[in-house]
Amino acid sequence: MRRRSLFLASVVLALTGLATVETGCSKPQPHQTEATTSLSDVKNSIASVTGYDASALEVAVTGSQLMIKVINSPLAARSAAERQNEAQRIAAAVSSSIGGKSEFSSLNGIHVDYVTRENDGSGARVVDGIDFRKDPAGVFQHHIT
């Protein structure tokens, strides 16, 4: 009997813990809201520097890297040098838009992908990927491997 009571108590505690985790996960955290707003600001900054429509840009943070996808850019069919020049302007715009924002303090790199995609979203192909790494002074420098 005592063993059964302990088992039931353990199950109740476990379910209570899951309910608490579920509730905590469903509410947006202030940091998540700030990051979402800041990513939107980053996207708008890139759009203003490049002239792309915001819908042609995808911006996300994965780990310590800011990932940027430029979808169906005219530069996808042009030279790598032209893409690198534009990516440097993108990195500079990103640097100025994230400067001083705590949600980006752990970023160590910026990665810009030039991607072609069909209108229906299928057939995605990465044409070029360009990396920038933060130097000791905090400036994102073009990284050549």
N, C-alpha and C. Protein backbone atom coordinates (compact mmCIF):
# COMPACT_ATOMS: atom_id res chain seq x y z
N MET A 1 0.81 -1.19 0.00
CA MET A 1 0.00 0.00 0.00
C MET A 1 0.86 1.27 0.00
N ARG A 2 1.88 1.23 0.84
CA ARG A 2 2.77 2.38 0.94
C ARG A 2 3.51 2.61 -0.39
N ARG A 3 3.92 1.54 -1.03
CA ARG A 3 4.61 1.63 -2.31
C ARG A 3 3.69 2.25 -3.36
N ARG A 4 2.43 1.87 -3.35
CA ARG A 4 1.46 2.41 -4.31
C ARG A 4 1.23 3.90 -4.06
N SER A 5 1.18 4.32 -2.81
CA SER A 5 1.00 5.73 -2.47
C SER A 5 2.19 6.56 -2.95
N LEU A 6 3.38 6.01 -2.76
CA LEU A 6 4.58 6.71 -3.24
C LEU A 6 4.58 6.81 -4.76
N PHE A 7 4.17 5.75 -5.42
CA PHE A 7 4.08 5.77 -6.87
C PHE A 7 3.10 6.83 -7.35
N LEU A 8 1.91 6.88 -6.77
CA LEU A 8 0.90 7.88 -7.15
C LEU A 8 1.39 9.30 -6.88
N ALA A 9 2.06 9.48 -5.74
CA ALA A 9 2.58 10.80 -5.43
C ALA A 9 3.63 11.21 -6.46
N SER A 10 4.47 10.28 -6.87
CA SER A 10 5.50 10.58 -7.88
C SER A 10 4.87 10.95 -9.21
N VAL A 11 3.83 10.21 -9.59
CA VAL A 11 3.14 10.50 -10.86
C VAL A 11 2.51 11.89 -10.80
N VAL A 12 1.86 12.22 -9.69
CA VAL A 12 1.22 13.53 -9.55
C VAL A 12 2.27 14.64 -9.63
N LEU A 13 3.39 14.47 -8.96
CA LEU A 13 4.45 15.48 -9.01
C LEU A 13 5.01 15.62 -10.42
N ALA A 14 5.20 14.52 -11.10
CA ALA A 14 5.73 14.56 -12.46
C ALA A 14 4.76 15.29 -13.39
N LEU A 15 3.48 14.98 -13.27
CA LEU A 15 2.49 15.64 -14.13
C LEU A 15 2.38 17.12 -13.80
N THR A 16 2.49 17.47 -12.53
CA THR A 16 2.47 18.88 -12.14
C THR A 16 3.67 19.60 -12.75
N GLY A 17 4.82 18.96 -12.72
CA GLY A 17 6.03 19.54 -13.32
C GLY A 17 5.87 19.74 -14.81
N LEU A 18 5.29 18.76 -15.50
CA LEU A 18 5.07 18.90 -16.94
C LEU A 18 4.11 20.02 -17.24
N ALA A 19 3.06 20.15 -16.44
CA ALA A 19 2.09 21.23 -16.65
C ALA A 19 2.77 22.58 -16.47
N THR A 20 3.66 22.69 -15.50
CA THR A 20 4.38 23.94 -15.28
C THR A 20 5.30 24.25 -16.45
N VAL A 21 6.01 23.25 -16.96
CA VAL A 21 6.90 23.44 -18.11
C VAL A 21 6.08 23.84 -19.32
N GLU A 22 4.97 23.16 -19.56
CA GLU A 22 4.09 23.46 -20.68
C GLU A 22 3.64 24.92 -20.61
N THR A 23 3.18 25.37 -19.44
CA THR A 23 2.70 26.73 -19.28
C THR A 23 3.83 27.72 -19.51
N GLY A 24 5.01 27.45 -18.96
CA GLY A 24 6.15 28.34 -19.13
C GLY A 24 6.59 28.46 -20.57
N CYS A 25 6.50 27.39 -21.33
CA CYS A 25 6.94 27.41 -22.72
C CYS A 25 5.96 28.14 -23.63
N SER A 26 4.72 28.16 -23.26
CA SER A 26 3.73 28.75 -24.15
C SER A 26 3.71 30.27 -24.08
N LYS A 27 4.25 30.85 -23.01
CA LYS A 27 4.27 32.30 -22.89
C LYS A 27 5.54 32.85 -23.51
N PRO A 28 5.43 33.87 -24.35
CA PRO A 28 6.65 34.45 -24.90
C PRO A 28 7.43 35.15 -23.80
N GLN A 29 8.71 34.88 -23.76
CA GLN A 29 9.58 35.51 -22.78
C GLN A 29 9.97 36.89 -23.28
N PRO A 30 10.22 37.85 -22.37
CA PRO A 30 10.61 39.19 -22.82
C PRO A 30 11.82 39.18 -23.73
N HIS A 31 12.81 38.32 -23.44
CA HIS A 31 14.01 38.26 -24.27
C HIS A 31 13.67 37.80 -25.68
N GLN A 32 12.74 36.82 -25.79
CA GLN A 32 12.34 36.33 -27.11
C GLN A 32 11.65 37.44 -27.89
N THR A 33 10.81 38.22 -27.23
CA THR A 33 10.11 39.31 -27.89
C THR A 33 11.10 40.36 -28.37
N GLU A 34 12.09 40.70 -27.53
CA GLU A 34 13.11 41.67 -27.93
C GLU A 34 13.89 41.16 -29.14
N ALA A 35 14.24 39.88 -29.12
CA ALA A 35 15.02 39.31 -30.22
C ALA A 35 14.22 39.34 -31.51
N THR A 36 12.93 39.03 -31.44
CA THR A 36 12.08 39.05 -32.64
C THR A 36 12.00 40.46 -33.20
N THR A 37 11.81 41.44 -32.33
CA THR A 37 11.76 42.83 -32.77
C THR A 37 13.09 43.25 -33.36
N SER A 38 14.18 42.86 -32.70
CA SER A 38 15.51 43.22 -33.18
C SER A 38 15.82 42.57 -34.52
N LEU A 39 15.40 41.31 -34.72
CA LEU A 39 15.63 40.66 -36.01
C LEU A 39 14.87 41.38 -37.11
N SER A 40 13.69 41.87 -36.79
CA SER A 40 12.93 42.65 -37.76
C SER A 40 13.68 43.94 -38.10
N ASP A 41 14.27 44.57 -37.10
CA ASP A 41 15.07 45.77 -37.33
C ASP A 41 16.28 45.46 -38.21
N VAL A 42 16.93 44.32 -37.95
CA VAL A 42 18.09 43.91 -38.75
C VAL A 42 17.66 43.71 -40.21
N LYS A 43 16.54 43.02 -40.39
CA LYS A 43 16.03 42.77 -41.75
C LYS A 43 15.75 44.09 -42.47
N ASN A 44 15.12 45.03 -41.78
CA ASN A 44 14.82 46.34 -42.39
C ASN A 44 16.10 47.10 -42.72
N SER A 45 17.10 46.98 -41.86
CA SER A 45 18.39 47.63 -42.12
C SER A 45 19.03 47.06 -43.38
N ILE A 46 18.99 45.74 -43.52
CA ILE A 46 19.56 45.10 -44.72
C ILE A 46 18.79 45.53 -45.96
N ALA A 47 17.47 45.55 -45.86
CA ALA A 47 16.64 45.95 -47.00
C ALA A 47 16.95 47.39 -47.44
N SER A 48 17.18 48.27 -46.48
CA SER A 48 17.45 49.66 -46.84
C SER A 48 18.82 49.83 -47.51
N VAL A 49 19.80 49.01 -47.10
CA VAL A 49 21.14 49.09 -47.68
C VAL A 49 21.21 48.45 -49.06
N THR A 50 20.46 47.36 -49.25
CA THR A 50 20.56 46.60 -50.50
C THR A 50 19.49 46.95 -51.52
N GLY A 51 18.37 47.49 -51.05
CA GLY A 51 17.25 47.77 -51.95
C GLY A 51 16.34 46.58 -52.16
N TYR A 52 16.61 45.46 -51.48
CA TYR A 52 15.74 44.29 -51.59
C TYR A 52 14.46 44.50 -50.82
N ASP A 53 13.40 43.87 -51.30
CA ASP A 53 12.16 43.82 -50.54
C ASP A 53 12.41 42.93 -49.32
N ALA A 54 11.83 43.27 -48.19
CA ALA A 54 12.03 42.49 -46.96
C ALA A 54 11.61 41.04 -47.14
N SER A 55 10.67 40.77 -48.04
CA SER A 55 10.23 39.39 -48.27
C SER A 55 11.31 38.54 -48.95
N ALA A 56 12.33 39.18 -49.51
CA ALA A 56 13.43 38.46 -50.15
C ALA A 56 14.55 38.17 -49.17
N LEU A 57 14.34 38.50 -47.90
CA LEU A 57 15.37 38.31 -46.88
C LEU A 57 14.83 37.44 -45.75
N GLU A 58 15.67 36.52 -45.29
CA GLU A 58 15.35 35.72 -44.12
C GLU A 58 16.49 35.92 -43.13
N VAL A 59 16.15 36.24 -41.89
CA VAL A 59 17.15 36.51 -40.87
C VAL A 59 16.83 35.66 -39.64
N ALA A 60 17.84 34.98 -39.13
CA ALA A 60 17.65 34.14 -37.94
C ALA A 60 18.97 34.06 -37.17
N VAL A 61 18.86 33.74 -35.89
CA VAL A 61 20.03 33.51 -35.06
C VAL A 61 20.09 32.03 -34.74
N THR A 62 21.22 31.42 -35.03
CA THR A 62 21.44 30.02 -34.65
C THR A 62 22.74 29.96 -33.87
N GLY A 63 22.62 29.63 -32.60
CA GLY A 63 23.80 29.60 -31.75
C GLY A 63 24.41 30.98 -31.64
N SER A 64 25.66 31.09 -32.02
CA SER A 64 26.36 32.38 -31.92
C SER A 64 26.53 33.03 -33.29
N GLN A 65 25.68 32.64 -34.24
CA GLN A 65 25.80 33.17 -35.59
C GLN A 65 24.47 33.74 -36.08
N LEU A 66 24.56 34.88 -36.76
CA LEU A 66 23.39 35.47 -37.41
C LEU A 66 23.37 34.96 -38.83
N MET A 67 22.28 34.30 -39.21
CA MET A 67 22.15 33.71 -40.54
C MET A 67 21.23 34.60 -41.38
N ILE A 68 21.71 34.97 -42.56
CA ILE A 68 20.94 35.80 -43.48
C ILE A 68 20.84 35.08 -44.81
N LYS A 69 19.61 34.96 -45.31
CA LYS A 69 19.41 34.39 -46.65
C LYS A 69 18.86 35.49 -47.54
N VAL A 70 19.51 35.66 -48.68
CA VAL A 70 19.04 36.59 -49.71
C VAL A 70 18.45 35.70 -50.80
N ILE A 71 17.13 35.80 -50.97
CA ILE A 71 16.40 34.90 -51.86
C ILE A 71 16.24 35.54 -53.25
N ASN A 72 16.65 34.80 -54.27
CA ASN A 72 16.48 35.18 -55.68
C ASN A 72 17.03 36.56 -56.02
N SER A 73 18.21 36.84 -55.50
CA SER A 73 18.89 38.10 -55.81
C SER A 73 19.38 38.06 -57.26
N PRO A 74 19.36 39.20 -57.94
CA PRO A 74 19.96 39.23 -59.28
C PRO A 74 21.44 38.87 -59.24
N LEU A 75 22.09 39.05 -58.08
CA LEU A 75 23.50 38.73 -57.97
C LEU A 75 23.77 37.23 -57.95
N ALA A 76 22.74 36.42 -57.81
CA ALA A 76 22.92 34.97 -57.82
C ALA A 76 23.50 34.50 -59.14
N ALA A 77 23.22 35.21 -60.20
CA ALA A 77 23.73 34.84 -61.53
C ALA A 77 24.96 35.65 -61.92
N ARG A 78 25.47 36.46 -61.00
CA ARG A 78 26.61 37.32 -61.30
C ARG A 78 27.87 36.76 -60.64
N SER A 79 28.91 37.53 -60.58
CA SER A 79 30.20 37.05 -60.07
C SER A 79 30.22 36.97 -58.54
N ALA A 80 31.10 36.12 -58.06
CA ALA A 80 31.28 35.96 -56.61
C ALA A 80 31.77 37.27 -55.99
N ALA A 81 32.59 38.00 -56.71
CA ALA A 81 33.11 39.28 -56.19
C ALA A 81 31.97 40.27 -55.94
N GLU A 82 30.99 40.30 -56.83
CA GLU A 82 29.86 41.20 -56.64
C GLU A 82 29.03 40.80 -55.41
N ARG A 83 28.84 39.49 -55.23
CA ARG A 83 28.12 39.02 -54.04
C ARG A 83 28.89 39.35 -52.77
N GLN A 84 30.22 39.19 -52.80
CA GLN A 84 31.03 39.50 -51.63
C GLN A 84 30.97 40.98 -51.28
N ASN A 85 30.99 41.85 -52.29
CA ASN A 85 30.88 43.29 -52.04
C ASN A 85 29.55 43.62 -51.37
N GLU A 86 28.47 43.04 -51.88
CA GLU A 86 27.18 43.31 -51.27
C GLU A 86 27.10 42.71 -49.86
N ALA A 87 27.64 41.52 -49.69
CA ALA A 87 27.62 40.88 -48.36
C ALA A 87 28.39 41.73 -47.35
N GLN A 88 29.45 42.40 -47.77
CA GLN A 88 30.18 43.29 -46.87
C GLN A 88 29.33 44.48 -46.46
N ARG A 89 28.54 44.99 -47.39
CA ARG A 89 27.62 46.08 -47.04
C ARG A 89 26.55 45.57 -46.08
N ILE A 90 26.08 44.34 -46.30
CA ILE A 90 25.08 43.73 -45.41
C ILE A 90 25.66 43.58 -44.01
N ALA A 91 26.90 43.06 -43.92
CA ALA A 91 27.53 42.87 -42.61
C ALA A 91 27.72 44.20 -41.89
N ALA A 92 28.08 45.24 -42.62
CA ALA A 92 28.23 46.56 -42.01
C ALA A 92 26.89 47.09 -41.49
N ALA A 93 25.83 46.89 -42.27
CA ALA A 93 24.50 47.32 -41.83
C ALA A 93 24.05 46.55 -40.60
N VAL A 94 24.32 45.25 -40.59
CA VAL A 94 23.96 44.41 -39.44
C VAL A 94 24.73 44.88 -38.21
N SER A 95 26.02 45.12 -38.36
CA SER A 95 26.85 45.57 -37.23
C SER A 95 26.29 46.83 -36.60
N SER A 96 25.92 47.78 -37.43
CA SER A 96 25.40 49.02 -36.87
C SER A 96 24.02 48.84 -36.25
N SER A 97 23.21 47.92 -36.79
CA SER A 97 21.86 47.75 -36.22
C SER A 97 21.84 46.90 -34.96
N ILE A 98 22.86 46.05 -34.75
CA ILE A 98 22.87 45.21 -33.53
C ILE A 98 23.76 45.78 -32.44
N GLY A 99 24.53 46.79 -32.75
CA GLY A 99 25.45 47.38 -31.79
C GLY A 99 24.74 47.81 -30.51
N GLY A 100 25.24 47.35 -29.38
CA GLY A 100 24.69 47.73 -28.08
C GLY A 100 23.46 46.97 -27.65
N LYS A 101 22.97 46.05 -28.46
CA LYS A 101 21.79 45.27 -28.09
C LYS A 101 22.23 43.98 -27.40
N SER A 102 21.80 43.81 -26.18
CA SER A 102 22.26 42.68 -25.37
C SER A 102 21.90 41.33 -25.96
N GLU A 103 20.78 41.24 -26.69
CA GLU A 103 20.39 39.95 -27.26
C GLU A 103 21.34 39.47 -28.35
N PHE A 104 22.22 40.36 -28.81
CA PHE A 104 23.19 39.99 -29.84
C PHE A 104 24.63 39.96 -29.31
N SER A 105 24.80 40.12 -28.03
CA SER A 105 26.16 40.21 -27.47
C SER A 105 26.96 38.92 -27.64
N SER A 106 26.30 37.78 -27.76
CA SER A 106 27.02 36.51 -27.90
C SER A 106 27.31 36.14 -29.35
N LEU A 107 26.93 36.98 -30.30
CA LEU A 107 27.20 36.67 -31.71
C LEU A 107 28.68 36.75 -32.01
N ASN A 108 29.18 35.74 -32.72
CA ASN A 108 30.57 35.72 -33.14
C ASN A 108 30.71 35.73 -34.65
N GLY A 109 29.60 35.57 -35.36
CA GLY A 109 29.69 35.51 -36.81
C GLY A 109 28.40 35.91 -37.50
N ILE A 110 28.56 36.29 -38.74
CA ILE A 110 27.43 36.59 -39.64
C ILE A 110 27.65 35.72 -40.87
N HIS A 111 26.61 35.03 -41.30
CA HIS A 111 26.70 34.20 -42.49
C HIS A 111 25.62 34.66 -43.47
N VAL A 112 26.03 34.98 -44.69
CA VAL A 112 25.10 35.44 -45.73
C VAL A 112 25.07 34.39 -46.82
N ASP A 113 23.88 33.85 -47.07
CA ASP A 113 23.67 32.89 -48.16
C ASP A 113 22.88 33.55 -49.27
N TYR A 114 23.32 33.35 -50.49
CA TYR A 114 22.56 33.75 -51.68
C TYR A 114 21.87 32.49 -52.17
N VAL A 115 20.54 32.51 -52.17
CA VAL A 115 19.74 31.32 -52.45
C VAL A 115 18.79 31.59 -53.61
N THR A 116 18.69 30.61 -54.51
CA THR A 116 17.65 30.69 -55.55
C THR A 116 16.55 29.71 -55.15
N ARG A 117 15.31 30.11 -55.41
CA ARG A 117 14.15 29.30 -55.04
C ARG A 117 13.05 29.50 -56.07
N GLU A 118 12.30 28.44 -56.31
CA GLU A 118 11.13 28.56 -57.18
C GLU A 118 10.08 29.41 -56.47
N ASN A 119 9.14 29.97 -57.23
CA ASN A 119 8.09 30.81 -56.64
C ASN A 119 7.25 30.07 -55.61
N ASP A 120 7.09 28.76 -55.79
CA ASP A 120 6.29 27.99 -54.84
C ASP A 120 7.11 27.56 -53.61
N GLY A 121 8.37 28.00 -53.51
CA GLY A 121 9.21 27.68 -52.37
C GLY A 121 10.03 26.42 -52.53
N SER A 122 9.84 25.71 -53.63
CA SER A 122 10.59 24.47 -53.84
C SER A 122 11.89 24.76 -54.58
N GLY A 123 12.71 23.75 -54.69
CA GLY A 123 13.92 23.85 -55.49
C GLY A 123 14.94 24.85 -54.98
N ALA A 124 15.06 24.99 -53.66
CA ALA A 124 16.04 25.93 -53.11
C ALA A 124 17.45 25.44 -53.38
N ARG A 125 18.32 26.38 -53.76
CA ARG A 125 19.71 26.06 -54.04
C ARG A 125 20.58 27.21 -53.54
N VAL A 126 21.57 26.89 -52.72
CA VAL A 126 22.51 27.90 -52.23
C VAL A 126 23.56 28.14 -53.32
N VAL A 127 23.62 29.38 -53.78
CA VAL A 127 24.56 29.76 -54.83
C VAL A 127 25.91 30.12 -54.22
N ASP A 128 25.87 30.81 -53.09
CA ASP A 128 27.10 31.27 -52.46
C ASP A 128 26.85 31.50 -50.98
N GLY A 129 27.85 31.26 -50.17
CA GLY A 129 27.79 31.53 -48.74
C GLY A 129 29.01 32.33 -48.33
N ILE A 130 28.79 33.41 -47.62
CA ILE A 130 29.89 34.32 -47.26
C ILE A 130 29.86 34.51 -45.74
N ASP A 131 31.02 34.32 -45.11
CA ASP A 131 31.13 34.40 -43.65
C ASP A 131 31.89 35.63 -43.19
N PHE A 132 31.45 36.12 -42.04
CA PHE A 132 32.12 37.22 -41.36
C PHE A 132 32.28 36.80 -39.91
N ARG A 133 33.47 37.01 -39.38
CA ARG A 133 33.74 36.66 -37.98
C ARG A 133 34.13 37.90 -37.20
N LYS A 134 33.70 37.90 -35.95
CA LYS A 134 34.00 39.05 -35.09
C LYS A 134 35.46 38.99 -34.65
N ASP A 135 36.16 40.10 -34.86
CA ASP A 135 37.55 40.16 -34.43
C ASP A 135 37.62 40.63 -32.97
N PRO A 136 38.80 40.66 -32.37
CA PRO A 136 38.91 41.07 -30.97
C PRO A 136 38.36 42.46 -30.67
N ALA A 137 38.35 43.33 -31.68
CA ALA A 137 37.80 44.67 -31.50
C ALA A 137 36.28 44.70 -31.62
N GLY A 138 35.67 43.55 -31.97
CA GLY A 138 34.21 43.48 -32.10
C GLY A 138 33.69 43.81 -33.48
N VAL A 139 34.59 43.88 -34.47
CA VAL A 139 34.21 44.21 -35.85
C VAL A 139 34.11 42.91 -36.64
N PHE A 140 33.05 42.78 -37.44
CA PHE A 140 32.87 41.59 -38.27
C PHE A 140 33.71 41.72 -39.53
N GLN A 141 34.67 40.80 -39.68
CA GLN A 141 35.58 40.80 -40.81
C GLN A 141 35.26 39.63 -41.74
N HIS A 142 35.40 39.87 -43.04
CA HIS A 142 35.18 38.82 -44.04
C HIS A 142 36.15 37.67 -43.76
N HIS A 143 35.60 36.48 -43.65
CA HIS A 143 36.43 35.31 -43.37
C HIS A 143 36.60 34.49 -44.65
N ILE A 144 37.84 34.25 -45.01
CA ILE A 144 38.13 33.48 -46.21
C ILE A 144 38.75 32.15 -45.77
N THR A 145 38.14 31.05 -46.20
CA THR A 145 38.68 29.73 -45.82
C THR A 145 39.52 29.16 -46.92
